[in-house]
Amino acid sequence: MDDINLIEAKNLYRHFGATRAVDGVSISVKAGEIYGLVGSDGAGKTTTMRLIVGALLPNSGEITVCGYDVRKHTEDARSQLGYLSQRFSLYEDLTVLENIRFFAEVRGLKSNEWYPRSMEILEFVGLANFATRRAGQLSGGMKQKLGLASALVTRPRVLLLDEPTTGVDPVTRQDFWQLLIQITSTPLAPNLPSPLHSSPNIGSGDGGEGAVAVLISTPYMDEAARCNRVGFMRHGKIIAEGTPSQLRSRLTDRVIELRGSPLKLLRRIAQEDLDVEDVRAFGDRLHLRVREGKADLVASRLPSAIRSEGGNVDGIRVIPAVLEDVFIELSEQSYE
């Protein structure tokens, strides 16, 4: 991974009247890095992205993209960017290839450049067999892949992706993330699967010598766990930042998994324990966040309390925290 910050945002503020949509946000993303911006609706993720892409001006703060000041050298900065918005924003009456052609020609690519490049990109994202299909006839996942293809056609050094997998099926989400991981890989090794093996310049505007930096917002914690670094946003602020493992370490030995029945009874009894801070359902089991140093004590006394009221305990154990646990804990702290 290169040491150059392709995205550098410092102390960004953006207010809409009395609402502080972005409140002192600083983000840096290196070449070859995927940075995940995570937060609930209204946290400020989309506004932050629109500031970085230059669609909005900050009230204060500094933004550079590939060394270009976004305020002073807007077009130079934008020439380095590929942007995929939260909603499908391409032309549904145009075909897949016509959509990519439009964005390529807007960026100044000539016909002898955009066509081979477009076909290369369509092969990469798995849409080569749908080049003549109208965009409006694509599935949700295919539309997102078309959006990614349009963002990649000019070989950007920076990708901004605003919740690109919202509303698509799990298989498409998996495919999309495999594409992202390959895009940010550097150097592109000769044993990478086709089409990257035959197209070494998929993500780079400098002949493959530099990797792409990706800033992605997502509501999905499993996607956040795939990022190199994660920033949790709430009320316009980044309230915690780090690698997924660093963030999970906040709750080392503080999460208990409880399985049994009836779940409603187990939840009530767990919530009544003075050393239990939070109880959440994770499918058919509960995650209990407990006070520091109290996990073994809680795990030893809860089963008898549950059985005394007619409940069943199928299993209780201390487990490593997942990012959902961390996000809930951070959100509660921020709210308080």
C-alpha atoms as a PDB file:
ATOM      1  CA  MET A   1       0.000   0.000   0.000  1.00  0.00           C
ATOM      2  CA  ASP A   2       1.376   3.387  -0.982  1.00  0.00           C
ATOM      3  CA  ASP A   3       2.007   6.018   1.670  1.00  0.00           C
ATOM      4  CA  ILE A   4       0.317   8.807  -0.288  1.00  0.00           C
ATOM      5  CA  ASN A   5      -3.050  10.103   0.927  1.00  0.00           C
ATOM      6  CA  LEU A   6      -5.141  10.361  -2.216  1.00  0.00           C
ATOM      7  CA  ILE A   7      -8.009  11.768  -0.125  1.00  0.00           C
ATOM      8  CA  GLU A   8      -7.192  14.302   2.571  1.00  0.00           C
ATOM      9  CA  ALA A   9     -10.068  16.071   4.329  1.00  0.00           C
ATOM     10  CA  LYS A  10      -9.354  18.208   7.384  1.00  0.00           C
ATOM     11  CA  ASN A  11     -11.842  19.732   9.825  1.00  0.00           C
ATOM     12  CA  LEU A  12     -14.811  19.788   7.449  1.00  0.00           C
ATOM     13  CA  TYR A  13     -17.895  21.702   8.527  1.00  0.00           C
ATOM     14  CA  ARG A  14     -21.127  21.996   6.580  1.00  0.00           C
ATOM     15  CA  HIS A  15     -24.239  23.528   8.104  1.00  0.00           C
ATOM     16  CA  PHE A  16     -27.765  23.717   6.740  1.00  0.00           C
ATOM     17  CA  GLY A  17     -29.335  26.402   8.880  1.00  0.00           C
ATOM     18  CA  ALA A  18     -29.096  25.210  12.465  1.00  0.00           C
ATOM     19  CA  THR A  19     -28.309  21.635  11.393  1.00  0.00           C
ATOM     20  CA  ARG A  20     -24.654  20.632  11.510  1.00  0.00           C
ATOM     21  CA  ALA A  21     -24.651  17.954   8.842  1.00  0.00           C
ATOM     22  CA  VAL A  22     -20.847  17.653   8.938  1.00  0.00           C
ATOM     23  CA  ASP A  23     -19.239  18.790  12.168  1.00  0.00           C
ATOM     24  CA  GLY A  24     -15.437  18.749  12.180  1.00  0.00           C
ATOM     25  CA  VAL A  25     -14.819  15.642  10.069  1.00  0.00           C
ATOM     26  CA  SER A  26     -11.260  14.681   9.094  1.00  0.00           C
ATOM     27  CA  ILE A  27     -10.586  11.706   6.791  1.00  0.00           C
ATOM     28  CA  SER A  28      -7.494  10.463   4.991  1.00  0.00           C
ATOM     29  CA  VAL A  29      -7.405   7.538   2.563  1.00  0.00           C
ATOM     30  CA  LYS A  30      -4.228   6.099   1.087  1.00  0.00           C
ATOM     31  CA  ALA A  31      -3.700   4.503  -2.295  1.00  0.00           C
ATOM     32  CA  GLY A  32      -4.777   0.875  -2.165  1.00  0.00           C
ATOM     33  CA  GLU A  33      -6.981   1.417   0.875  1.00  0.00           C
ATOM     34  CA  ILE A  34     -10.720   0.932   1.373  1.00  0.00           C
ATOM     35  CA  TYR A  35     -12.081   3.292   4.014  1.00  0.00           C
ATOM     36  CA  GLY A  36     -15.602   2.545   5.257  1.00  0.00           C
ATOM     37  CA  LEU A  37     -17.832   5.351   6.482  1.00  0.00           C
ATOM     38  CA  VAL A  38     -20.490   3.807   8.707  1.00  0.00           C
ATOM     39  CA  GLY A  39     -23.479   5.398  10.389  1.00  0.00           C
ATOM     40  CA  SER A  40     -27.245   5.491  10.553  1.00  0.00           C
ATOM     41  CA  ASP A  41     -29.398   7.601   8.225  1.00  0.00           C
ATOM     42  CA  GLY A  42     -28.758  11.293   8.815  1.00  0.00           C
ATOM     43  CA  ALA A  43     -25.294  10.741  10.286  1.00  0.00           C
ATOM     44  CA  GLY A  44     -23.665  12.914   7.597  1.00  0.00           C
ATOM     45  CA  LYS A  45     -22.107  10.275   5.334  1.00  0.00           C
ATOM     46  CA  THR A  46     -23.604  11.466   2.044  1.00  0.00           C
ATOM     47  CA  THR A  47     -22.926  15.123   2.803  1.00  0.00           C
ATOM     48  CA  THR A  48     -19.298  14.284   3.553  1.00  0.00           C
ATOM     49  CA  MET A  49     -18.985  12.526   0.203  1.00  0.00           C
ATOM     50  CA  ARG A  50     -20.602  15.426  -1.650  1.00  0.00           C
ATOM     51  CA  LEU A  51     -18.101  17.773  -0.050  1.00  0.00           C
ATOM     52  CA  ILE A  52     -15.177  15.620  -1.169  1.00  0.00           C
ATOM     53  CA  VAL A  53     -16.477  15.326  -4.732  1.00  0.00           C
ATOM     54  CA  GLY A  54     -17.014  19.092  -4.878  1.00  0.00           C
ATOM     55  CA  ALA A  55     -20.800  19.012  -5.261  1.00  0.00           C
ATOM     56  CA  LEU A  56     -21.074  21.046  -2.041  1.00  0.00           C
ATOM     57  CA  LEU A  57     -18.731  23.638  -0.589  1.00  0.00           C
ATOM     58  CA  PRO A  58     -17.807  23.354   3.085  1.00  0.00           C
ATOM     59  CA  ASN A  59     -18.424  26.210   5.476  1.00  0.00           C
ATOM     60  CA  SER A  60     -14.835  25.605   6.534  1.00  0.00           C
ATOM     61  CA  GLY A  61     -12.151  22.977   6.192  1.00  0.00           C
ATOM     62  CA  GLU A  62      -9.710  21.723   3.574  1.00  0.00           C
ATOM     63  CA  ILE A  63     -10.055  18.942   0.988  1.00  0.00           C
ATOM     64  CA  THR A  64      -7.433  17.632  -1.405  1.00  0.00           C
ATOM     65  CA  VAL A  65      -7.829  14.801  -3.914  1.00  0.00           C
ATOM     66  CA  CYS A  66      -4.597  13.439  -5.382  1.00  0.00           C
ATOM     67  CA  GLY A  67      -2.903  16.619  -4.216  1.00  0.00           C
ATOM     68  CA  TYR A  68      -5.444  18.983  -5.830  1.00  0.00           C
ATOM     69  CA  ASP A  69      -7.318  21.436  -3.621  1.00  0.00           C
ATOM     70  CA  VAL A  70     -10.990  20.702  -4.360  1.00  0.00           C
ATOM     71  CA  ARG A  71     -12.010  24.338  -3.805  1.00  0.00           C
ATOM     72  CA  LYS A  72      -9.227  25.937  -5.869  1.00  0.00           C
ATOM     73  CA  HIS A  73      -8.666  23.275  -8.524  1.00  0.00           C
ATOM     74  CA  THR A  74     -12.096  21.671  -8.740  1.00  0.00           C
ATOM     75  CA  GLU A  75     -11.871  20.254 -12.260  1.00  0.00           C
ATOM     76  CA  ASP A  76      -8.370  18.857 -11.733  1.00  0.00           C
ATOM     77  CA  ALA A  77      -9.585  17.125  -8.565  1.00  0.00           C
ATOM     78  CA  ARG A  78     -12.734  15.810 -10.235  1.00  0.00           C
ATOM     79  CA  SER A  79     -10.684  14.389 -13.108  1.00  0.00           C
ATOM     80  CA  GLN A  80      -9.166  11.992 -10.556  1.00  0.00           C
ATOM     81  CA  LEU A  81     -12.541  10.915  -9.135  1.00  0.00           C
ATOM     82  CA  GLY A  82     -15.055   8.227  -9.886  1.00  0.00           C
ATOM     83  CA  TYR A  83     -18.358   8.698  -8.031  1.00  0.00           C
ATOM     84  CA  LEU A  84     -21.271   6.332  -7.544  1.00  0.00           C
ATOM     85  CA  SER A  85     -24.237   7.968  -5.835  1.00  0.00           C
ATOM     86  CA  GLN A  86     -26.692   6.290  -3.488  1.00  0.00           C
ATOM     87  CA  ARG A  87     -29.472   6.227  -6.060  1.00  0.00           C
ATOM     88  CA  PHE A  88     -29.166   4.930  -9.617  1.00  0.00           C
ATOM     89  CA  SER A  89     -28.533   8.100 -11.607  1.00  0.00           C
ATOM     90  CA  LEU A  90     -27.756   6.861 -15.105  1.00  0.00           C
ATOM     91  CA  TYR A  91     -30.009   7.143 -18.153  1.00  0.00           C
ATOM     92  CA  GLU A  92     -32.528   4.308 -18.215  1.00  0.00           C
ATOM     93  CA  ASP A  93     -33.511   4.890 -21.868  1.00  0.00           C
ATOM     94  CA  LEU A  94     -29.927   4.435 -23.021  1.00  0.00           C
ATOM     95  CA  THR A  95     -28.214   1.091 -23.361  1.00  0.00           C
ATOM     96  CA  VAL A  96     -25.479  -0.062 -21.029  1.00  0.00           C
ATOM     97  CA  LEU A  97     -22.772   0.852 -23.540  1.00  0.00           C
ATOM     98  CA  GLU A  98     -24.391   4.203 -24.395  1.00  0.00           C
ATOM     99  CA  ASN A  99     -24.387   5.169 -20.719  1.00  0.00           C
ATOM    100  CA  ILE A 100     -20.690   4.452 -20.381  1.00  0.00           C
ATOM    101  CA  ARG A 101     -19.987   6.240 -23.667  1.00  0.00           C
ATOM    102  CA  PHE A 102     -21.781   9.333 -22.407  1.00  0.00           C
ATOM    103  CA  PHE A 103     -19.659   9.567 -19.264  1.00  0.00           C
ATOM    104  CA  ALA A 104     -16.485   8.772 -21.187  1.00  0.00           C
ATOM    105  CA  GLU A 105     -17.065  11.506 -23.757  1.00  0.00           C
ATOM    106  CA  VAL A 106     -18.043  14.036 -21.091  1.00  0.00           C
ATOM    107  CA  ARG A 107     -14.583  13.395 -19.608  1.00  0.00           C
ATOM    108  CA  GLY A 108     -12.974  13.967 -23.015  1.00  0.00           C
ATOM    109  CA  LEU A 109     -12.266  10.403 -24.183  1.00  0.00           C
ATOM    110  CA  LYS A 110     -12.245  10.003 -27.971  1.00  0.00           C
ATOM    111  CA  SER A 111     -13.952   7.144 -29.794  1.00  0.00           C
ATOM    112  CA  ASN A 112     -10.725   5.221 -30.262  1.00  0.00           C
ATOM    113  CA  GLU A 113     -10.254   5.456 -26.480  1.00  0.00           C
ATOM    114  CA  TRP A 114     -13.694   5.056 -24.959  1.00  0.00           C
ATOM    115  CA  TYR A 115     -14.870   2.004 -26.881  1.00  0.00           C
ATOM    116  CA  PRO A 116     -12.050  -0.426 -26.026  1.00  0.00           C
ATOM    117  CA  ARG A 117     -11.947   0.987 -22.526  1.00  0.00           C
ATOM    118  CA  SER A 118     -15.730   0.548 -22.121  1.00  0.00           C
ATOM    119  CA  MET A 119     -15.660  -3.041 -23.315  1.00  0.00           C
ATOM    120  CA  GLU A 120     -12.748  -3.740 -20.987  1.00  0.00           C
ATOM    121  CA  ILE A 121     -14.702  -2.341 -18.038  1.00  0.00           C
ATOM    122  CA  LEU A 122     -17.925  -4.174 -18.970  1.00  0.00           C
ATOM    123  CA  GLU A 123     -15.997  -7.435 -19.070  1.00  0.00           C
ATOM    124  CA  PHE A 124     -14.493  -6.637 -15.692  1.00  0.00           C
ATOM    125  CA  VAL A 125     -17.853  -5.985 -13.975  1.00  0.00           C
ATOM    126  CA  GLY A 126     -19.611  -8.880 -15.723  1.00  0.00           C
ATOM    127  CA  LEU A 127     -21.867  -6.880 -18.046  1.00  0.00           C
ATOM    128  CA  ALA A 128     -20.203  -7.540 -21.398  1.00  0.00           C
ATOM    129  CA  ASN A 129     -23.157  -9.689 -22.538  1.00  0.00           C
ATOM    130  CA  PHE A 130     -25.606  -6.881 -21.697  1.00  0.00           C
ATOM    131  CA  ALA A 131     -23.961  -4.009 -23.581  1.00  0.00           C
ATOM    132  CA  THR A 132     -27.008  -3.441 -25.814  1.00  0.00           C
ATOM    133  CA  ARG A 133     -29.635  -3.789 -23.074  1.00  0.00           C
ATOM    134  CA  ARG A 134     -31.384  -0.626 -21.894  1.00  0.00           C
ATOM    135  CA  ALA A 135     -30.313   0.401 -18.418  1.00  0.00           C
ATOM    136  CA  GLY A 136     -33.932   0.562 -17.267  1.00  0.00           C
ATOM    137  CA  GLN A 137     -34.271  -3.164 -17.921  1.00  0.00           C
ATOM    138  CA  LEU A 138     -31.395  -4.143 -15.633  1.00  0.00           C
ATOM    139  CA  SER A 139     -31.820  -5.614 -12.170  1.00  0.00           C
ATOM    140  CA  GLY A 140     -30.846  -3.533  -9.154  1.00  0.00           C
ATOM    141  CA  GLY A 141     -27.506  -5.266  -8.799  1.00  0.00           C
ATOM    142  CA  MET A 142     -26.702  -4.911 -12.485  1.00  0.00           C
ATOM    143  CA  LYS A 143     -27.524  -1.210 -12.310  1.00  0.00           C
ATOM    144  CA  GLN A 144     -25.011  -0.790  -9.512  1.00  0.00           C
ATOM    145  CA  LYS A 145     -22.400  -2.621 -11.564  1.00  0.00           C
ATOM    146  CA  LEU A 146     -23.165  -0.307 -14.474  1.00  0.00           C
ATOM    147  CA  GLY A 147     -22.720   2.650 -12.144  1.00  0.00           C
ATOM    148  CA  LEU A 148     -19.340   1.257 -11.082  1.00  0.00           C
ATOM    149  CA  ALA A 149     -18.347   0.708 -14.710  1.00  0.00           C
ATOM    150  CA  SER A 150     -19.239   4.318 -15.563  1.00  0.00           C
ATOM    151  CA  ALA A 151     -17.202   5.529 -12.593  1.00  0.00           C
ATOM    152  CA  LEU A 152     -14.188   3.450 -13.695  1.00  0.00           C
ATOM    153  CA  VAL A 153     -14.162   4.313 -17.396  1.00  0.00           C
ATOM    154  CA  THR A 154     -11.733   7.236 -17.004  1.00  0.00           C
ATOM    155  CA  ARG A 155      -9.320   5.236 -14.790  1.00  0.00           C
ATOM    156  CA  PRO A 156      -9.819   7.331 -11.623  1.00  0.00           C
ATOM    157  CA  ARG A 157      -7.344   7.240  -8.762  1.00  0.00           C
ATOM    158  CA  VAL A 158     -10.146   7.782  -6.220  1.00  0.00           C
ATOM    159  CA  LEU A 159     -13.549   6.070  -5.969  1.00  0.00           C
ATOM    160  CA  LEU A 160     -16.371   7.512  -3.855  1.00  0.00           C
ATOM    161  CA  LEU A 161     -19.192   5.000  -3.384  1.00  0.00           C
ATOM    162  CA  ASP A 162     -22.277   6.068  -1.451  1.00  0.00           C
ATOM    163  CA  GLU A 163     -24.050   2.948  -0.117  1.00  0.00           C
ATOM    164  CA  PRO A 164     -23.585   1.153  -3.448  1.00  0.00           C
ATOM    165  CA  THR A 165     -25.077  -2.194  -2.351  1.00  0.00           C
ATOM    166  CA  THR A 166     -28.202  -0.994  -0.554  1.00  0.00           C
ATOM    167  CA  GLY A 167     -31.210  -2.983  -1.712  1.00  0.00           C
ATOM    168  CA  VAL A 168     -29.327  -5.605  -3.726  1.00  0.00           C
ATOM    169  CA  ASP A 169     -29.232  -9.322  -3.018  1.00  0.00           C
ATOM    170  CA  PRO A 170     -26.439 -10.954  -0.960  1.00  0.00           C
ATOM    171  CA  VAL A 171     -24.829 -12.631  -3.983  1.00  0.00           C
ATOM    172  CA  THR A 172     -24.590  -9.312  -5.839  1.00  0.00           C
ATOM    173  CA  ARG A 173     -23.154  -7.651  -2.741  1.00  0.00           C
ATOM    174  CA  GLN A 174     -20.483 -10.351  -2.616  1.00  0.00           C
ATOM    175  CA  ASP A 175     -19.693  -9.887  -6.323  1.00  0.00           C
ATOM    176  CA  PHE A 176     -19.498  -6.108  -5.903  1.00  0.00           C
ATOM    177  CA  TRP A 177     -17.022  -6.413  -3.039  1.00  0.00           C
ATOM    178  CA  GLN A 178     -14.857  -8.843  -4.980  1.00  0.00           C
ATOM    179  CA  LEU A 179     -14.629  -6.178  -7.693  1.00  0.00           C
ATOM    180  CA  LEU A 180     -13.640  -3.522  -5.143  1.00  0.00           C
ATOM    181  CA  ILE A 181     -10.954  -5.706  -3.628  1.00  0.00           C
ATOM    182  CA  GLN A 182      -9.476  -6.386  -7.067  1.00  0.00           C
ATOM    183  CA  ILE A 183      -9.621  -2.695  -7.993  1.00  0.00           C
ATOM    184  CA  THR A 184      -7.588  -1.694  -4.947  1.00  0.00           C
ATOM    185  CA  SER A 185      -5.031  -4.498  -5.294  1.00  0.00           C
ATOM    186  CA  THR A 186      -1.526  -3.328  -6.148  1.00  0.00           C
ATOM    187  CA  PRO A 187       0.515  -4.377  -7.895  1.00  0.00           C
ATOM    188  CA  LEU A 188      -1.857  -6.344 -10.119  1.00  0.00           C
ATOM    189  CA  ALA A 189      -0.272  -9.754  -9.966  1.00  0.00           C
ATOM    190  CA  PRO A 190      -0.101 -11.950 -13.075  1.00  0.00           C
ATOM    191  CA  ASN A 191      -2.075 -14.736 -11.386  1.00  0.00           C
ATOM    192  CA  LEU A 192      -5.155 -12.574 -10.804  1.00  0.00           C
ATOM    193  CA  PRO A 193      -8.278 -14.003 -12.421  1.00  0.00           C
ATOM    194  CA  SER A 194      -9.558 -12.712 -15.740  1.00  0.00           C
ATOM    195  CA  PRO A 195     -10.346 -10.001 -16.688  1.00  0.00           C
ATOM    196  CA  LEU A 196      -7.796  -8.265 -14.464  1.00  0.00           C
ATOM    197  CA  HIS A 197      -5.015 -10.479 -15.785  1.00  0.00           C
ATOM    198  CA  SER A 198      -5.702  -9.220 -19.295  1.00  0.00           C
ATOM    199  CA  SER A 199      -6.561  -5.664 -18.205  1.00  0.00           C
ATOM    200  CA  PRO A 200      -3.845  -4.430 -15.833  1.00  0.00           C
ATOM    201  CA  ASN A 201      -5.029  -0.817 -15.920  1.00  0.00           C
ATOM    202  CA  ILE A 202      -8.576  -1.283 -14.611  1.00  0.00           C
ATOM    203  CA  GLY A 203      -8.170   1.016 -11.662  1.00  0.00           C
ATOM    204  CA  SER A 204      -5.234   3.219 -12.470  1.00  0.00           C
ATOM    205  CA  GLY A 205      -4.888   6.365 -14.482  1.00  0.00           C
ATOM    206  CA  ASP A 206      -1.093   6.112 -14.535  1.00  0.00           C
ATOM    207  CA  GLY A 207      -0.544   2.872 -16.374  1.00  0.00           C
ATOM    208  CA  GLY A 208      -1.097   0.649 -13.351  1.00  0.00           C
ATOM    209  CA  GLU A 209       1.703   2.141 -11.264  1.00  0.00           C
ATOM    210  CA  GLY A 210      -0.613   3.352  -8.492  1.00  0.00           C
ATOM    211  CA  ALA A 211      -3.566   1.834  -6.700  1.00  0.00           C
ATOM    212  CA  VAL A 212      -7.034   3.267  -6.269  1.00  0.00           C
ATOM    213  CA  ALA A 213      -8.233   4.745  -2.978  1.00  0.00           C
ATOM    214  CA  VAL A 214     -11.845   3.887  -2.122  1.00  0.00           C
ATOM    215  CA  LEU A 215     -14.127   5.767   0.257  1.00  0.00           C
ATOM    216  CA  ILE A 216     -17.360   3.825   0.708  1.00  0.00           C
ATOM    217  CA  SER A 217     -20.344   4.444   2.938  1.00  0.00           C
ATOM    218  CA  THR A 218     -22.349   1.438   4.049  1.00  0.00           C
ATOM    219  CA  PRO A 219     -25.058   0.518   6.563  1.00  0.00           C
ATOM    220  CA  TYR A 220     -23.860  -3.091   6.616  1.00  0.00           C
ATOM    221  CA  MET A 221     -21.438  -4.145   9.337  1.00  0.00           C
ATOM    222  CA  ASP A 222     -20.253  -7.197   7.398  1.00  0.00           C
ATOM    223  CA  GLU A 223     -19.160  -4.802   4.645  1.00  0.00           C
ATOM    224  CA  ALA A 224     -17.489  -2.502   7.168  1.00  0.00           C
ATOM    225  CA  ALA A 225     -15.480  -5.503   8.374  1.00  0.00           C
ATOM    226  CA  ARG A 226     -13.993  -5.850   4.869  1.00  0.00           C
ATOM    227  CA  CYS A 227     -12.571  -2.319   4.913  1.00  0.00           C
ATOM    228  CA  ASN A 228      -8.964  -1.526   5.814  1.00  0.00           C
ATOM    229  CA  ARG A 229     -10.196   1.213   8.144  1.00  0.00           C
ATOM    230  CA  VAL A 230     -13.611   2.269   9.398  1.00  0.00           C
ATOM    231  CA  GLY A 231     -14.962   5.584  10.630  1.00  0.00           C
ATOM    232  CA  PHE A 232     -18.192   5.546  12.656  1.00  0.00           C
ATOM    233  CA  MET A 233     -20.278   8.688  12.083  1.00  0.00           C
ATOM    234  CA  ARG A 234     -23.021  10.095  14.286  1.00  0.00           C
ATOM    235  CA  HIS A 235     -24.587  13.574  14.244  1.00  0.00           C
ATOM    236  CA  GLY A 236     -22.036  14.798  11.710  1.00  0.00           C
ATOM    237  CA  LYS A 237     -18.983  13.662  13.683  1.00  0.00           C
ATOM    238  CA  ILE A 238     -16.621  10.710  13.386  1.00  0.00           C
ATOM    239  CA  ILE A 239     -16.919   9.252  16.866  1.00  0.00           C
ATOM    240  CA  ALA A 240     -14.404   6.414  16.396  1.00  0.00           C
ATOM    241  CA  GLU A 241     -11.925   5.343  13.742  1.00  0.00           C
ATOM    242  CA  GLY A 242      -9.580   2.421  13.242  1.00  0.00           C
ATOM    243  CA  THR A 243      -9.143  -0.967  11.664  1.00  0.00           C
ATOM    244  CA  PRO A 244     -12.009  -3.399  12.265  1.00  0.00           C
ATOM    245  CA  SER A 245      -9.853  -5.357  14.711  1.00  0.00           C
ATOM    246  CA  GLN A 246      -8.894  -2.197  16.611  1.00  0.00           C
ATOM    247  CA  LEU A 247     -12.544  -1.209  16.934  1.00  0.00           C
ATOM    248  CA  ARG A 248     -13.615  -4.674  18.059  1.00  0.00           C
ATOM    249  CA  SER A 249     -10.914  -4.643  20.731  1.00  0.00           C
ATOM    250  CA  ARG A 250     -12.886  -1.919  22.558  1.00  0.00           C
ATOM    251  CA  LEU A 251     -15.167  -4.701  23.785  1.00  0.00           C
ATOM    252  CA  THR A 252     -12.671  -7.491  24.456  1.00  0.00           C
ATOM    253  CA  ASP A 253     -14.128  -9.904  27.051  1.00  0.00           C
ATOM    254  CA  ARG A 254     -17.286  -7.807  27.371  1.00  0.00           C
ATOM    255  CA  VAL A 255     -19.719  -9.630  25.067  1.00  0.00           C
ATOM    256  CA  ILE A 256     -21.629 -12.781  26.061  1.00  0.00           C
ATOM    257  CA  GLU A 257     -23.631 -14.946  23.679  1.00  0.00           C
ATOM    258  CA  LEU A 258     -26.747 -16.415  25.289  1.00  0.00           C
ATOM    259  CA  ARG A 259     -28.822 -19.143  23.615  1.00  0.00           C
ATOM    260  CA  GLY A 260     -32.011 -20.657  24.941  1.00  0.00           C
ATOM    261  CA  SER A 261     -35.768 -20.221  25.195  1.00  0.00           C
ATOM    262  CA  PRO A 262     -38.072 -18.454  25.463  1.00  0.00           C
ATOM    263  CA  LEU A 263     -36.003 -15.566  24.133  1.00  0.00           C
ATOM    264  CA  LYS A 264     -38.281 -12.935  25.656  1.00  0.00           C
ATOM    265  CA  LEU A 265     -37.710 -14.369  29.146  1.00  0.00           C
ATOM    266  CA  LEU A 266     -33.958 -14.601  28.625  1.00  0.00           C
ATOM    267  CA  ARG A 267     -33.848 -10.978  27.513  1.00  0.00           C
ATOM    268  CA  ARG A 268     -35.798  -9.755  30.544  1.00  0.00           C
ATOM    269  CA  ILE A 269     -33.675 -11.619  33.066  1.00  0.00           C
ATOM    270  CA  ALA A 270     -30.434 -10.500  31.385  1.00  0.00           C
ATOM    271  CA  GLN A 271     -31.593  -6.874  31.376  1.00  0.00           C
ATOM    272  CA  GLU A 272     -32.275  -7.077  35.115  1.00  0.00           C
ATOM    273  CA  ASP A 273     -28.671  -8.048  35.876  1.00  0.00           C
ATOM    274  CA  LEU A 274     -26.832  -4.988  37.209  1.00  0.00           C
ATOM    275  CA  ASP A 275     -23.624  -5.895  35.373  1.00  0.00           C
ATOM    276  CA  VAL A 276     -25.330  -6.146  31.973  1.00  0.00           C
ATOM    277  CA  GLU A 277     -25.236  -2.861  30.047  1.00  0.00           C
ATOM    278  CA  ASP A 278     -27.122  -3.865  26.906  1.00  0.00           C
ATOM    279  CA  VAL A 279     -29.015  -6.818  25.435  1.00  0.00           C
ATOM    280  CA  ARG A 280     -29.591  -7.269  21.700  1.00  0.00           C
ATOM    281  CA  ALA A 281     -31.104 -10.073  19.636  1.00  0.00           C
ATOM    282  CA  PHE A 282     -28.810 -11.551  16.974  1.00  0.00           C
ATOM    283  CA  GLY A 283     -31.021 -14.013  15.137  1.00  0.00           C
ATOM    284  CA  ASP A 284     -31.987 -16.823  17.527  1.00  0.00           C
ATOM    285  CA  ARG A 285     -29.579 -15.713  20.280  1.00  0.00           C
ATOM    286  CA  LEU A 286     -28.765 -12.722  22.435  1.00  0.00           C
ATOM    287  CA  HIS A 287     -25.627 -10.618  22.717  1.00  0.00           C
ATOM    288  CA  LEU A 288     -25.077  -9.200  26.183  1.00  0.00           C
ATOM    289  CA  ARG A 289     -22.651  -6.339  26.683  1.00  0.00           C
ATOM    290  CA  VAL A 290     -21.386  -6.430  30.254  1.00  0.00           C
ATOM    291  CA  ARG A 291     -19.295  -4.188  32.463  1.00  0.00           C
ATOM    292  CA  GLU A 292     -15.543  -4.542  32.203  1.00  0.00           C
ATOM    293  CA  GLY A 293     -14.242  -7.512  34.175  1.00  0.00           C
ATOM    294  CA  LYS A 294     -17.728  -8.927  34.845  1.00  0.00           C
ATOM    295  CA  ALA A 295     -18.177 -11.357  31.939  1.00  0.00           C
ATOM    296  CA  ASP A 296     -17.308 -14.569  33.804  1.00  0.00           C
ATOM    297  CA  LEU A 297     -19.429 -13.559  36.792  1.00  0.00           C
ATOM    298  CA  VAL A 298     -22.487 -12.817  34.646  1.00  0.00           C
ATOM    299  CA  ALA A 299     -22.025 -16.021  32.617  1.00  0.00           C
ATOM    300  CA  SER A 300     -21.914 -18.105  35.798  1.00  0.00           C
ATOM    301  CA  ARG A 301     -25.002 -16.683  37.513  1.00  0.00           C
ATOM    302  CA  LEU A 302     -27.452 -16.094  34.645  1.00  0.00           C
ATOM    303  CA  PRO A 303     -28.264 -19.768  33.888  1.00  0.00           C
ATOM    304  CA  SER A 304     -29.598 -20.454  37.414  1.00  0.00           C
ATOM    305  CA  ALA A 305     -31.655 -17.237  37.343  1.00  0.00           C
ATOM    306  CA  ILE A 306     -33.184 -18.239  34.000  1.00  0.00           C
ATOM    307  CA  ARG A 307     -33.950 -21.823  35.032  1.00  0.00           C
ATOM    308  CA  SER A 308     -35.529 -20.654  38.282  1.00  0.00           C
ATOM    309  CA  GLU A 309     -38.193 -18.905  36.179  1.00  0.00           C
ATOM    310  CA  GLY A 310     -38.804 -21.860  33.879  1.00  0.00           C
ATOM    311  CA  GLY A 311     -36.481 -20.924  31.037  1.00  0.00           C
ATOM    312  CA  ASN A 312     -33.977 -23.085  29.196  1.00  0.00           C
ATOM    313  CA  VAL A 313     -30.311 -22.258  28.582  1.00  0.00           C
ATOM    314  CA  ASP A 314     -28.779 -24.017  25.587  1.00  0.00           C
ATOM    315  CA  GLY A 315     -25.464 -22.202  25.810  1.00  0.00           C
ATOM    316  CA  ILE A 316     -23.736 -19.202  27.325  1.00  0.00           C
ATOM    317  CA  ARG A 317     -20.195 -18.079  26.563  1.00  0.00           C
ATOM    318  CA  VAL A 318     -17.936 -15.053  26.231  1.00  0.00           C
ATOM    319  CA  ILE A 319     -17.340 -14.291  22.533  1.00  0.00           C
ATOM    320  CA  PRO A 320     -15.311 -11.773  20.510  1.00  0.00           C
ATOM    321  CA  ALA A 321     -17.259  -8.618  19.758  1.00  0.00           C
ATOM    322  CA  VAL A 322     -18.539  -7.978  16.244  1.00  0.00           C
ATOM    323  CA  LEU A 323     -18.781  -4.518  14.700  1.00  0.00           C
ATOM    324  CA  GLU A 324     -22.518  -4.382  15.425  1.00  0.00           C
ATOM    325  CA  ASP A 325     -21.709  -4.608  19.129  1.00  0.00           C
ATOM    326  CA  VAL A 326     -19.176  -1.799  18.798  1.00  0.00           C
ATOM    327  CA  PHE A 327     -21.514   0.417  16.772  1.00  0.00           C
ATOM    328  CA  ILE A 328     -24.307   0.041  19.335  1.00  0.00           C
ATOM    329  CA  GLU A 329     -21.941   0.868  22.201  1.00  0.00           C
ATOM    330  CA  LEU A 330     -20.523   3.906  20.389  1.00  0.00           C
ATOM    331  CA  SER A 331     -23.984   5.157  19.461  1.00  0.00           C
ATOM    332  CA  GLU A 332     -25.131   4.940  23.068  1.00  0.00           C
ATOM    333  CA  GLN A 333     -22.043   6.837  24.276  1.00  0.00           C
ATOM    334  CA  SER A 334     -22.531   9.541  21.656  1.00  0.00           C
ATOM    335  CA  TYR A 335     -26.192   9.911  22.516  1.00  0.00           C
ATOM    336  CA  GLU A 336     -25.407  10.278  26.191  1.00  0.00           C
END
